[in-house]
All heavy atoms as atom14 arrays in JSON, in Angstrom:
{
  "sequence": "DHMVEQFSRHSLIDVTMHVDGDLHVDQHHTTEDSAIALGQAISDALGD",
  "atom14_mask": [
    [1, 1, 1, 1, 1, 1, 1, 1, 0, 0, 0, 0, 0, 0],
    [1, 1, 1, 1, 1, 1, 1, 1, 1, 1, 0, 0, 0, 0],
    [1, 1, 1, 1, 1, 1, 1, 1, 0, 0, 0, 0, 0, 0],
    [1, 1, 1, 1, 1, 1, 1, 0, 0, 0, 0, 0, 0, 0],
    [1, 1, 1, 1, 1, 1, 1, 1, 1, 0, 0, 0, 0, 0],
    [1, 1, 1, 1, 1, 1, 1, 1, 1, 0, 0, 0, 0, 0],
    [1, 1, 1, 1, 1, 1, 1, 1, 1, 1, 1, 0, 0, 0],
    [1, 1, 1, 1, 1, 1, 0, 0, 0, 0, 0, 0, 0, 0],
    [1, 1, 1, 1, 1, 1, 1, 1, 1, 1, 1, 0, 0, 0],
    [1, 1, 1, 1, 1, 1, 1, 1, 1, 1, 0, 0, 0, 0],
    [1, 1, 1, 1, 1, 1, 0, 0, 0, 0, 0, 0, 0, 0],
    [1, 1, 1, 1, 1, 1, 1, 1, 0, 0, 0, 0, 0, 0],
    [1, 1, 1, 1, 1, 1, 1, 1, 0, 0, 0, 0, 0, 0],
    [1, 1, 1, 1, 1, 1, 1, 1, 0, 0, 0, 0, 0, 0],
    [1, 1, 1, 1, 1, 1, 1, 0, 0, 0, 0, 0, 0, 0],
    [1, 1, 1, 1, 1, 1, 1, 0, 0, 0, 0, 0, 0, 0],
    [1, 1, 1, 1, 1, 1, 1, 1, 0, 0, 0, 0, 0, 0],
    [1, 1, 1, 1, 1, 1, 1, 1, 1, 1, 0, 0, 0, 0],
    [1, 1, 1, 1, 1, 1, 1, 0, 0, 0, 0, 0, 0, 0],
    [1, 1, 1, 1, 1, 1, 1, 1, 0, 0, 0, 0, 0, 0],
    [1, 1, 1, 1, 0, 0, 0, 0, 0, 0, 0, 0, 0, 0],
    [1, 1, 1, 1, 1, 1, 1, 1, 0, 0, 0, 0, 0, 0],
    [1, 1, 1, 1, 1, 1, 1, 1, 0, 0, 0, 0, 0, 0],
    [1, 1, 1, 1, 1, 1, 1, 1, 1, 1, 0, 0, 0, 0],
    [1, 1, 1, 1, 1, 1, 1, 0, 0, 0, 0, 0, 0, 0],
    [1, 1, 1, 1, 1, 1, 1, 1, 0, 0, 0, 0, 0, 0],
    [1, 1, 1, 1, 1, 1, 1, 1, 1, 0, 0, 0, 0, 0],
    [1, 1, 1, 1, 1, 1, 1, 1, 1, 1, 0, 0, 0, 0],
    [1, 1, 1, 1, 1, 1, 1, 1, 1, 1, 0, 0, 0, 0],
    [1, 1, 1, 1, 1, 1, 1, 0, 0, 0, 0, 0, 0, 0],
    [1, 1, 1, 1, 1, 1, 1, 0, 0, 0, 0, 0, 0, 0],
    [1, 1, 1, 1, 1, 1, 1, 1, 1, 0, 0, 0, 0, 0],
    [1, 1, 1, 1, 1, 1, 1, 1, 0, 0, 0, 0, 0, 0],
    [1, 1, 1, 1, 1, 1, 0, 0, 0, 0, 0, 0, 0, 0],
    [1, 1, 1, 1, 1, 0, 0, 0, 0, 0, 0, 0, 0, 0],
    [1, 1, 1, 1, 1, 1, 1, 1, 0, 0, 0, 0, 0, 0],
    [1, 1, 1, 1, 1, 0, 0, 0, 0, 0, 0, 0, 0, 0],
    [1, 1, 1, 1, 1, 1, 1, 1, 0, 0, 0, 0, 0, 0],
    [1, 1, 1, 1, 0, 0, 0, 0, 0, 0, 0, 0, 0, 0],
    [1, 1, 1, 1, 1, 1, 1, 1, 1, 0, 0, 0, 0, 0],
    [1, 1, 1, 1, 1, 0, 0, 0, 0, 0, 0, 0, 0, 0],
    [1, 1, 1, 1, 1, 1, 1, 1, 0, 0, 0, 0, 0, 0],
    [1, 1, 1, 1, 1, 1, 0, 0, 0, 0, 0, 0, 0, 0],
    [1, 1, 1, 1, 1, 1, 1, 1, 0, 0, 0, 0, 0, 0],
    [1, 1, 1, 1, 1, 0, 0, 0, 0, 0, 0, 0, 0, 0],
    [1, 1, 1, 1, 1, 1, 1, 1, 0, 0, 0, 0, 0, 0],
    [1, 1, 1, 1, 0, 0, 0, 0, 0, 0, 0, 0, 0, 0],
    [1, 1, 1, 1, 1, 1, 1, 1, 0, 0, 0, 0, 0, 0]
  ],
  "atom14_positions": [
    [[94.68, 119.38, 82.75], [95.42, 120.65, 82.94], [94.94, 121.67, 81.92], [94.65, 122.83, 82.26], [96.92, 120.43, 82.75], [97.58, 119.69, 83.88], [96.9, 119.34, 84.87], [98.8, 119.42, 83.78], [0.0, 0.0, 0.0], [0.0, 0.0, 0.0], [0.0, 0.0, 0.0], [0.0, 0.0, 0.0], [0.0, 0.0, 0.0], [0.0, 0.0, 0.0]],
    [[94.86, 121.26, 80.66], [94.48, 122.16, 79.58], [93.09, 122.73, 79.8], [92.83, 123.93, 79.58], [94.55, 121.4, 78.25], [94.2, 122.18, 77.04], [94.66, 123.45, 76.79], [93.41, 121.85, 75.96], [94.2, 123.89, 75.64], [93.44, 122.95, 75.13], [0.0, 0.0, 0.0], [0.0, 0.0, 0.0], [0.0, 0.0, 0.0], [0.0, 0.0, 0.0]],
    [[92.15, 121.91, 80.28], [90.78, 122.36, 80.49], [90.68, 123.31, 81.7], [89.96, 124.32, 81.64], [89.84, 121.17, 80.68], [89.63, 120.37, 79.41], [88.95, 121.28, 78.02], [90.45, 121.58, 77.04], [0.0, 0.0, 0.0], [0.0, 0.0, 0.0], [0.0, 0.0, 0.0], [0.0, 0.0, 0.0], [0.0, 0.0, 0.0], [0.0, 0.0, 0.0]],
    [[91.39, 123.02, 82.77], [91.37, 123.93, 83.94], [92.02, 125.26, 83.57], [91.58, 126.34, 84.01], [92.05, 123.29, 85.15], [92.1, 124.26, 86.32], [91.31, 122.01, 85.58], [0.0, 0.0, 0.0], [0.0, 0.0, 0.0], [0.0, 0.0, 0.0], [0.0, 0.0, 0.0], [0.0, 0.0, 0.0], [0.0, 0.0, 0.0], [0.0, 0.0, 0.0]],
    [[93.05, 125.22, 82.75], [93.67, 126.45, 82.27], [92.68, 127.26, 81.43], [92.62, 128.49, 81.56], [94.92, 126.11, 81.45], [96.07, 125.58, 82.29], [97.19, 124.94, 81.47], [97.06, 124.87, 80.23], [98.17, 124.5, 82.07], [0.0, 0.0, 0.0], [0.0, 0.0, 0.0], [0.0, 0.0, 0.0], [0.0, 0.0, 0.0], [0.0, 0.0, 0.0]],
    [[91.91, 126.58, 80.58], [90.89, 127.29, 79.79], [89.84, 127.91, 80.71], [89.4, 129.04, 80.5], [90.21, 126.3, 78.81], [91.1, 125.77, 77.74], [91.52, 126.82, 76.71], [90.92, 127.9, 76.64], [92.51, 126.52, 75.92], [0.0, 0.0, 0.0], [0.0, 0.0, 0.0], [0.0, 0.0, 0.0], [0.0, 0.0, 0.0], [0.0, 0.0, 0.0]],
    [[89.44, 127.14, 81.74], [88.48, 127.69, 82.7], [89.02, 128.95, 83.35], [88.32, 129.98, 83.45], [88.16, 126.64, 83.78], [87.42, 127.21, 84.95], [86.1, 127.57, 84.85], [88.07, 127.4, 86.16], [85.42, 128.14, 85.92], [87.4, 127.96, 87.26], [86.08, 128.33, 87.14], [0.0, 0.0, 0.0], [0.0, 0.0, 0.0], [0.0, 0.0, 0.0]],
    [[90.24, 128.92, 83.81], [90.85, 130.08, 84.44], [90.92, 131.27, 83.53], [90.48, 132.39, 83.87], [92.24, 129.72, 84.98], [92.9, 130.85, 85.49], [0.0, 0.0, 0.0], [0.0, 0.0, 0.0], [0.0, 0.0, 0.0], [0.0, 0.0, 0.0], [0.0, 0.0, 0.0], [0.0, 0.0, 0.0], [0.0, 0.0, 0.0], [0.0, 0.0, 0.0]],
    [[91.45, 131.07, 82.34], [91.66, 132.17, 81.42], [90.35, 132.86, 81.02], [90.28, 134.09, 80.95], [92.39, 131.66, 80.15], [92.64, 132.69, 79.08], [93.44, 133.9, 79.58], [94.67, 133.54, 80.24], [95.84, 133.33, 79.61], [95.91, 133.46, 78.29], [96.92, 133.04, 80.31], [0.0, 0.0, 0.0], [0.0, 0.0, 0.0], [0.0, 0.0, 0.0]],
    [[89.32, 132.07, 80.79], [88.07, 132.65, 80.28], [87.11, 133.09, 81.37], [86.18, 133.86, 81.1], [87.41, 131.68, 79.3], [88.22, 131.48, 78.05], [88.21, 132.4, 77.03], [89.09, 130.52, 77.68], [89.02, 131.99, 76.06], [89.57, 130.85, 76.45], [0.0, 0.0, 0.0], [0.0, 0.0, 0.0], [0.0, 0.0, 0.0], [0.0, 0.0, 0.0]],
    [[87.32, 132.65, 82.6], [86.51, 133.13, 83.73], [87.17, 134.35, 84.4], [86.53, 135.03, 85.19], [86.31, 132.03, 84.77], [87.55, 131.69, 85.39], [0.0, 0.0, 0.0], [0.0, 0.0, 0.0], [0.0, 0.0, 0.0], [0.0, 0.0, 0.0], [0.0, 0.0, 0.0], [0.0, 0.0, 0.0], [0.0, 0.0, 0.0], [0.0, 0.0, 0.0]],
    [[88.43, 134.57, 84.12], [89.28, 135.57, 84.81], [89.46, 135.22, 86.29], [89.8, 136.09, 87.09], [88.71, 137.0, 84.65], [88.65, 137.54, 83.23], [88.17, 138.99, 83.23], [90.0, 137.43, 82.53], [0.0, 0.0, 0.0], [0.0, 0.0, 0.0], [0.0, 0.0, 0.0], [0.0, 0.0, 0.0], [0.0, 0.0, 0.0], [0.0, 0.0, 0.0]],
    [[89.24, 133.97, 86.64], [89.52, 133.5, 88.0], [90.95, 132.92, 88.02], [91.23, 131.99, 87.29], [88.5, 132.42, 88.43], [87.1, 133.0, 88.47], [88.89, 131.83, 89.79], [86.0, 131.95, 88.7], [0.0, 0.0, 0.0], [0.0, 0.0, 0.0], [0.0, 0.0, 0.0], [0.0, 0.0, 0.0], [0.0, 0.0, 0.0], [0.0, 0.0, 0.0]],
    [[91.81, 133.5, 88.83], [93.16, 132.94, 88.97], [93.05, 131.61, 89.65], [92.36, 131.46, 90.67], [94.05, 133.87, 89.79], [94.32, 135.21, 89.13], [94.05, 135.33, 87.92], [94.8, 136.13, 89.82], [0.0, 0.0, 0.0], [0.0, 0.0, 0.0], [0.0, 0.0, 0.0], [0.0, 0.0, 0.0], [0.0, 0.0, 0.0], [0.0, 0.0, 0.0]],
    [[93.76, 130.61, 89.13], [93.72, 129.27, 89.68], [95.13, 128.71, 89.82], [95.88, 128.64, 88.84], [92.89, 128.3, 88.81], [92.94, 126.87, 89.39], [91.45, 128.77, 88.66], [0.0, 0.0, 0.0], [0.0, 0.0, 0.0], [0.0, 0.0, 0.0], [0.0, 0.0, 0.0], [0.0, 0.0, 0.0], [0.0, 0.0, 0.0], [0.0, 0.0, 0.0]],
    [[95.5, 128.32, 91.04], [96.69, 127.51, 91.3], [96.2, 126.14, 91.73], [95.41, 126.03, 92.69], [97.57, 128.13, 92.4], [98.02, 129.42, 91.96], [98.79, 127.23, 92.66], [0.0, 0.0, 0.0], [0.0, 0.0, 0.0], [0.0, 0.0, 0.0], [0.0, 0.0, 0.0], [0.0, 0.0, 0.0], [0.0, 0.0, 0.0], [0.0, 0.0, 0.0]],
    [[96.61, 125.09, 91.03], [96.15, 123.74, 91.32], [97.32, 122.77, 91.16], [97.81, 122.54, 90.06], [95.01, 123.36, 90.37], [94.5, 121.92, 90.55], [93.24, 121.45, 89.34], [91.84, 122.42, 89.87], [0.0, 0.0, 0.0], [0.0, 0.0, 0.0], [0.0, 0.0, 0.0], [0.0, 0.0, 0.0], [0.0, 0.0, 0.0], [0.0, 0.0, 0.0]],
    [[97.73, 122.19, 92.27], [98.79, 121.18, 92.25], [98.22, 119.89, 92.85], [97.74, 119.9, 93.99], [100.0, 121.65, 93.06], [100.7, 122.83, 92.44], [101.64, 123.56, 93.11], [100.6, 123.4, 91.22], [102.08, 124.54, 92.34], [101.45, 124.46, 91.18], [0.0, 0.0, 0.0], [0.0, 0.0, 0.0], [0.0, 0.0, 0.0], [0.0, 0.0, 0.0]],
    [[98.29, 118.84, 92.08], [97.7, 117.56, 92.5], [98.73, 116.45, 92.35], [99.37, 116.32, 91.31], [96.47, 117.21, 91.64], [95.81, 115.94, 92.16], [95.47, 118.36, 91.63], [0.0, 0.0, 0.0], [0.0, 0.0, 0.0], [0.0, 0.0, 0.0], [0.0, 0.0, 0.0], [0.0, 0.0, 0.0], [0.0, 0.0, 0.0], [0.0, 0.0, 0.0]],
    [[98.85, 115.65, 93.39], [99.67, 114.44, 93.36], [98.73, 113.28, 93.66], [98.36, 113.04, 94.81], [100.79, 114.52, 94.4], [101.67, 113.27, 94.4], [101.56, 112.47, 93.46], [102.45, 113.09, 95.37], [0.0, 0.0, 0.0], [0.0, 0.0, 0.0], [0.0, 0.0, 0.0], [0.0, 0.0, 0.0], [0.0, 0.0, 0.0], [0.0, 0.0, 0.0]],
    [[98.28, 112.61, 92.61], [97.26, 111.59, 92.76], [97.75, 110.18, 92.41], [98.85, 110.01, 91.87], [0.0, 0.0, 0.0], [0.0, 0.0, 0.0], [0.0, 0.0, 0.0], [0.0, 0.0, 0.0], [0.0, 0.0, 0.0], [0.0, 0.0, 0.0], [0.0, 0.0, 0.0], [0.0, 0.0, 0.0], [0.0, 0.0, 0.0], [0.0, 0.0, 0.0]],
    [[96.92, 109.21, 92.71], [97.28, 107.81, 92.49], [96.98, 107.4, 91.05], [96.17, 106.51, 90.79], [96.57, 106.9, 93.49], [95.05, 107.05, 93.46], [94.55, 107.9, 92.69], [94.36, 106.29, 94.17], [0.0, 0.0, 0.0], [0.0, 0.0, 0.0], [0.0, 0.0, 0.0], [0.0, 0.0, 0.0], [0.0, 0.0, 0.0], [0.0, 0.0, 0.0]],
    [[97.66, 108.02, 90.12], [97.43, 107.74, 88.7], [97.87, 106.35, 88.3], [97.52, 105.88, 87.22], [98.14, 108.8, 87.85], [97.61, 110.23, 87.98], [98.44, 111.19, 87.16], [96.14, 110.3, 87.57], [0.0, 0.0, 0.0], [0.0, 0.0, 0.0], [0.0, 0.0, 0.0], [0.0, 0.0, 0.0], [0.0, 0.0, 0.0], [0.0, 0.0, 0.0]],
    [[98.65, 105.69, 89.16], [99.0, 104.29, 88.87], [97.77, 103.4, 89.02], [97.78, 102.26, 88.49], [100.1, 103.83, 89.83], [99.7, 103.82, 91.26], [99.59, 104.97, 92.0], [99.35, 102.79, 92.1], [99.2, 104.66, 93.24], [99.05, 103.35, 93.32], [0.0, 0.0, 0.0], [0.0, 0.0, 0.0], [0.0, 0.0, 0.0], [0.0, 0.0, 0.0]],
    [[96.73, 103.89, 89.72], [95.47, 103.13, 89.82], [94.62, 103.46, 88.61], [94.35, 102.62, 87.78], [94.75, 103.47, 91.15], [93.39, 102.78, 91.19], [95.6, 103.09, 92.34], [0.0, 0.0, 0.0], [0.0, 0.0, 0.0], [0.0, 0.0, 0.0], [0.0, 0.0, 0.0], [0.0, 0.0, 0.0], [0.0, 0.0, 0.0], [0.0, 0.0, 0.0]],
    [[94.16, 104.7, 88.54], [93.5, 105.25, 87.36], [93.35, 106.75, 87.58], [93.91, 107.31, 88.51], [92.15, 104.56, 87.08], [91.1, 104.8, 88.13], [91.29, 105.63, 89.05], [90.04, 104.15, 88.07], [0.0, 0.0, 0.0], [0.0, 0.0, 0.0], [0.0, 0.0, 0.0], [0.0, 0.0, 0.0], [0.0, 0.0, 0.0], [0.0, 0.0, 0.0]],
    [[92.55, 107.42, 86.75], [92.45, 108.87, 86.8], [91.25, 109.35, 87.61], [91.08, 110.58, 87.78], [92.32, 109.42, 85.36], [93.48, 109.04, 84.46], [93.17, 109.29, 83.01], [92.02, 109.38, 82.61], [94.2, 109.43, 82.21], [0.0, 0.0, 0.0], [0.0, 0.0, 0.0], [0.0, 0.0, 0.0], [0.0, 0.0, 0.0], [0.0, 0.0, 0.0]],
    [[90.45, 108.44, 88.12], [89.21, 108.82, 88.78], [89.43, 109.71, 89.99], [88.81, 110.76, 90.13], [88.41, 107.57, 89.16], [87.04, 107.88, 89.69], [85.91, 107.82, 88.9], [86.63, 108.26, 90.91], [84.87, 108.17, 89.62], [85.26, 108.43, 90.84], [0.0, 0.0, 0.0], [0.0, 0.0, 0.0], [0.0, 0.0, 0.0], [0.0, 0.0, 0.0]],
    [[90.29, 109.28, 90.92], [90.49, 110.04, 92.14], [91.06, 111.42, 91.88], [90.64, 112.42, 92.5], [91.4, 109.26, 93.1], [90.85, 107.95, 93.54], [91.63, 106.83, 93.71], [89.57, 107.55, 93.79], [90.87, 105.83, 94.09], [89.63, 106.23, 94.14], [0.0, 0.0, 0.0], [0.0, 0.0, 0.0], [0.0, 0.0, 0.0], [0.0, 0.0, 0.0]],
    [[92.02, 111.52, 90.97], [92.61, 112.82, 90.65], [91.58, 113.75, 90.05], [91.5, 114.92, 90.41], [93.8, 112.63, 89.69], [94.84, 111.94, 90.36], [94.34, 113.97, 89.21], [0.0, 0.0, 0.0], [0.0, 0.0, 0.0], [0.0, 0.0, 0.0], [0.0, 0.0, 0.0], [0.0, 0.0, 0.0], [0.0, 0.0, 0.0], [0.0, 0.0, 0.0]],
    [[90.76, 113.24, 89.13], [89.74, 114.05, 88.5], [88.71, 114.52, 89.53], [88.38, 115.71, 89.63], [89.03, 113.26, 87.38], [90.01, 112.89, 86.39], [87.93, 114.06, 86.74], [0.0, 0.0, 0.0], [0.0, 0.0, 0.0], [0.0, 0.0, 0.0], [0.0, 0.0, 0.0], [0.0, 0.0, 0.0], [0.0, 0.0, 0.0], [0.0, 0.0, 0.0]],
    [[88.17, 113.56, 90.28], [87.12, 113.89, 91.24], [87.61, 114.8, 92.36], [86.97, 115.83, 92.65], [86.56, 112.59, 91.84], [85.48, 112.8, 92.88], [84.98, 111.48, 93.44], [85.8, 110.72, 94.01], [83.78, 111.21, 93.29], [0.0, 0.0, 0.0], [0.0, 0.0, 0.0], [0.0, 0.0, 0.0], [0.0, 0.0, 0.0], [0.0, 0.0, 0.0]],
    [[88.72, 114.46, 92.96], [89.19, 115.22, 94.12], [89.64, 116.63, 93.74], [89.44, 117.58, 94.51], [90.31, 114.47, 94.82], [89.84, 113.18, 95.49], [88.65, 112.88, 95.41], [90.7, 112.49, 96.08], [0.0, 0.0, 0.0], [0.0, 0.0, 0.0], [0.0, 0.0, 0.0], [0.0, 0.0, 0.0], [0.0, 0.0, 0.0], [0.0, 0.0, 0.0]],
    [[90.23, 116.79, 92.56], [90.63, 118.12, 92.13], [89.41, 119.0, 91.91], [89.41, 120.2, 92.22], [91.48, 118.08, 90.86], [90.75, 117.59, 89.76], [0.0, 0.0, 0.0], [0.0, 0.0, 0.0], [0.0, 0.0, 0.0], [0.0, 0.0, 0.0], [0.0, 0.0, 0.0], [0.0, 0.0, 0.0], [0.0, 0.0, 0.0], [0.0, 0.0, 0.0]],
    [[88.33, 118.41, 91.37], [87.11, 119.17, 91.15], [86.43, 119.53, 92.47], [85.93, 120.65, 92.65], [86.14, 118.36, 90.29], [0.0, 0.0, 0.0], [0.0, 0.0, 0.0], [0.0, 0.0, 0.0], [0.0, 0.0, 0.0], [0.0, 0.0, 0.0], [0.0, 0.0, 0.0], [0.0, 0.0, 0.0], [0.0, 0.0, 0.0], [0.0, 0.0, 0.0]],
    [[86.42, 118.59, 93.41], [85.84, 118.87, 94.73], [86.59, 120.03, 95.39], [86.0, 120.98, 95.92], [85.9, 117.64, 95.63], [84.92, 116.56, 95.13], [85.58, 117.98, 97.09], [85.06, 115.21, 95.82], [0.0, 0.0, 0.0], [0.0, 0.0, 0.0], [0.0, 0.0, 0.0], [0.0, 0.0, 0.0], [0.0, 0.0, 0.0], [0.0, 0.0, 0.0]],
    [[87.92, 119.96, 95.37], [88.72, 121.0, 96.02], [88.57, 122.34, 95.33], [88.52, 123.4, 95.98], [90.19, 120.58, 96.06], [0.0, 0.0, 0.0], [0.0, 0.0, 0.0], [0.0, 0.0, 0.0], [0.0, 0.0, 0.0], [0.0, 0.0, 0.0], [0.0, 0.0, 0.0], [0.0, 0.0, 0.0], [0.0, 0.0, 0.0], [0.0, 0.0, 0.0]],
    [[88.48, 122.35, 94.0], [88.29, 123.61, 93.28], [86.95, 124.22, 93.68], [86.85, 125.43, 93.93], [88.33, 123.37, 91.77], [88.08, 124.6, 90.9], [89.13, 125.68, 91.12], [88.02, 124.21, 89.42], [0.0, 0.0, 0.0], [0.0, 0.0, 0.0], [0.0, 0.0, 0.0], [0.0, 0.0, 0.0], [0.0, 0.0, 0.0], [0.0, 0.0, 0.0]],
    [[85.9, 123.41, 93.71], [84.6, 123.92, 94.12], [84.61, 124.46, 95.54], [84.02, 125.52, 95.83], [0.0, 0.0, 0.0], [0.0, 0.0, 0.0], [0.0, 0.0, 0.0], [0.0, 0.0, 0.0], [0.0, 0.0, 0.0], [0.0, 0.0, 0.0], [0.0, 0.0, 0.0], [0.0, 0.0, 0.0], [0.0, 0.0, 0.0], [0.0, 0.0, 0.0]],
    [[85.3, 123.78, 96.44], [85.41, 124.27, 97.82], [86.15, 125.59, 97.89], [85.78, 126.48, 98.65], [86.1, 123.21, 98.68], [85.27, 121.96, 98.92], [86.06, 120.87, 99.6], [87.28, 120.81, 99.55], [85.35, 119.94, 100.25], [0.0, 0.0, 0.0], [0.0, 0.0, 0.0], [0.0, 0.0, 0.0], [0.0, 0.0, 0.0], [0.0, 0.0, 0.0]],
    [[87.21, 125.74, 97.11], [87.96, 126.98, 97.1], [87.13, 128.13, 96.55], [87.19, 129.25, 97.08], [89.24, 126.82, 96.29], [0.0, 0.0, 0.0], [0.0, 0.0, 0.0], [0.0, 0.0, 0.0], [0.0, 0.0, 0.0], [0.0, 0.0, 0.0], [0.0, 0.0, 0.0], [0.0, 0.0, 0.0], [0.0, 0.0, 0.0], [0.0, 0.0, 0.0]],
    [[86.35, 127.86, 95.51], [85.46, 128.9, 94.97], [84.41, 129.28, 96.0], [84.13, 130.47, 96.2], [84.81, 128.4, 93.68], [85.86, 128.3, 92.55], [83.65, 129.31, 93.25], [85.37, 127.63, 91.29], [0.0, 0.0, 0.0], [0.0, 0.0, 0.0], [0.0, 0.0, 0.0], [0.0, 0.0, 0.0], [0.0, 0.0, 0.0], [0.0, 0.0, 0.0]],
    [[83.83, 128.28, 96.66], [82.84, 128.57, 97.71], [83.44, 129.39, 98.84], [82.81, 130.35, 99.34], [82.27, 127.25, 98.24], [81.29, 127.47, 99.25], [0.0, 0.0, 0.0], [0.0, 0.0, 0.0], [0.0, 0.0, 0.0], [0.0, 0.0, 0.0], [0.0, 0.0, 0.0], [0.0, 0.0, 0.0], [0.0, 0.0, 0.0], [0.0, 0.0, 0.0]],
    [[84.67, 129.04, 99.24], [85.37, 129.79, 100.27], [85.56, 131.26, 99.84], [85.33, 132.18, 100.62], [86.71, 129.12, 100.53], [87.51, 129.79, 101.64], [86.92, 130.31, 102.59], [88.76, 129.77, 101.57], [0.0, 0.0, 0.0], [0.0, 0.0, 0.0], [0.0, 0.0, 0.0], [0.0, 0.0, 0.0], [0.0, 0.0, 0.0], [0.0, 0.0, 0.0]],
    [[85.95, 131.46, 98.58], [86.19, 132.82, 98.1], [84.89, 133.63, 98.01], [84.89, 134.84, 98.21], [86.86, 132.77, 96.73], [0.0, 0.0, 0.0], [0.0, 0.0, 0.0], [0.0, 0.0, 0.0], [0.0, 0.0, 0.0], [0.0, 0.0, 0.0], [0.0, 0.0, 0.0], [0.0, 0.0, 0.0], [0.0, 0.0, 0.0], [0.0, 0.0, 0.0]],
    [[83.78, 132.96, 97.7], [82.5, 133.65, 97.59], [81.94, 134.11, 98.91], [81.16, 135.09, 98.98], [81.48, 132.75, 96.9], [81.61, 132.59, 95.38], [80.76, 131.43, 94.9], [81.24, 133.86, 94.68], [0.0, 0.0, 0.0], [0.0, 0.0, 0.0], [0.0, 0.0, 0.0], [0.0, 0.0, 0.0], [0.0, 0.0, 0.0], [0.0, 0.0, 0.0]],
    [[82.32, 133.45, 100.01], [81.82, 133.84, 101.33], [80.29, 133.77, 101.37], [79.7, 132.77, 100.98], [0.0, 0.0, 0.0], [0.0, 0.0, 0.0], [0.0, 0.0, 0.0], [0.0, 0.0, 0.0], [0.0, 0.0, 0.0], [0.0, 0.0, 0.0], [0.0, 0.0, 0.0], [0.0, 0.0, 0.0], [0.0, 0.0, 0.0], [0.0, 0.0, 0.0]],
    [[79.65, 134.86, 101.82], [78.18, 134.87, 101.91], [77.53, 135.23, 100.58], [76.31, 135.34, 100.48], [77.7, 135.79, 103.02], [78.05, 137.26, 102.76], [78.62, 137.58, 101.68], [77.78, 138.09, 103.64], [0.0, 0.0, 0.0], [0.0, 0.0, 0.0], [0.0, 0.0, 0.0], [0.0, 0.0, 0.0], [0.0, 0.0, 0.0], [0.0, 0.0, 0.0]]
  ]
}
């Protein structure tokens, strides 16, 4: 959370990110999937 907040503040990109992951397993899926979705949202916003 702290690192994504730093990314948002210093890039001036507004970021809303809510994740409900299987942290009872480990942190891998939450870390990976949140990054994939953030990249997809940025790509969507960039358009062409």
